[in-house]
Amino acid sequence: MREAGVEQLAMRAAGLSPQSMRHVLDTINHVRALEGLPDIED
């Protein structure tokens, strides 16, 4: 989590509902795909 911004994302996600967390993860996965990054397996 030392990459720039990763810790900030994690801190802001703390306390979100499971539904909101799923939405955040879906958004991040979409942005990763736009940038040509590989899928992350859960």
Protein backbone atom coordinates (compact mmCIF):
# COMPACT_ATOMS: atom_id res chain seq x y z
CA MET A 1 0.00 0.00 0.00
CA ARG A 2 2.96 2.31 -0.38
CA GLU A 3 1.92 3.38 -3.88
CA ALA A 4 0.78 6.99 -4.03
CA GLY A 5 -2.91 7.32 -3.21
CA VAL A 6 -3.59 3.68 -2.30
CA GLU A 7 -3.63 4.37 1.43
CA GLN A 8 -5.90 7.38 0.88
CA LEU A 9 -8.34 5.21 -1.07
CA ALA A 10 -8.35 2.58 1.68
CA MET A 11 -8.94 5.16 4.41
CA ARG A 12 -11.87 6.68 2.53
CA ALA A 13 -13.43 3.27 1.88
CA ALA A 14 -13.45 2.36 5.58
CA GLY A 15 -17.00 2.21 6.92
CA LEU A 16 -18.76 2.00 3.56
CA SER A 17 -21.67 -0.40 3.25
CA PRO A 18 -21.08 -3.66 1.37
CA GLN A 19 -23.15 -2.31 -1.54
CA SER A 20 -21.13 0.90 -1.70
CA MET A 21 -17.87 -1.04 -1.44
CA ARG A 22 -18.96 -3.20 -4.40
CA HIS A 23 -19.65 -0.05 -6.40
CA VAL A 24 -16.21 1.36 -5.55
CA LEU A 25 -14.53 -1.91 -6.56
CA ASP A 26 -16.47 -2.04 -9.82
CA THR A 27 -15.38 1.53 -10.59
CA ILE A 28 -11.74 0.75 -9.83
CA ASN A 29 -11.88 -2.38 -12.00
CA HIS A 30 -13.35 -0.31 -14.85
CA VAL A 31 -10.58 2.30 -14.59
CA ARG A 32 -7.92 -0.45 -14.46
CA ALA A 33 -9.35 -1.89 -17.69
CA LEU A 34 -9.30 1.55 -19.34
CA GLU A 35 -5.62 1.85 -18.45
CA GLY A 36 -4.83 -1.62 -19.79
CA LEU A 37 -3.97 -3.08 -16.39
CA PRO A 38 -4.61 -6.78 -15.66
CA ASP A 39 -7.58 -8.04 -13.67
CA ILE A 40 -7.02 -8.66 -9.96
CA GLU A 41 -8.39 -11.94 -8.66
CA ASP A 42 -10.16 -11.76 -5.27
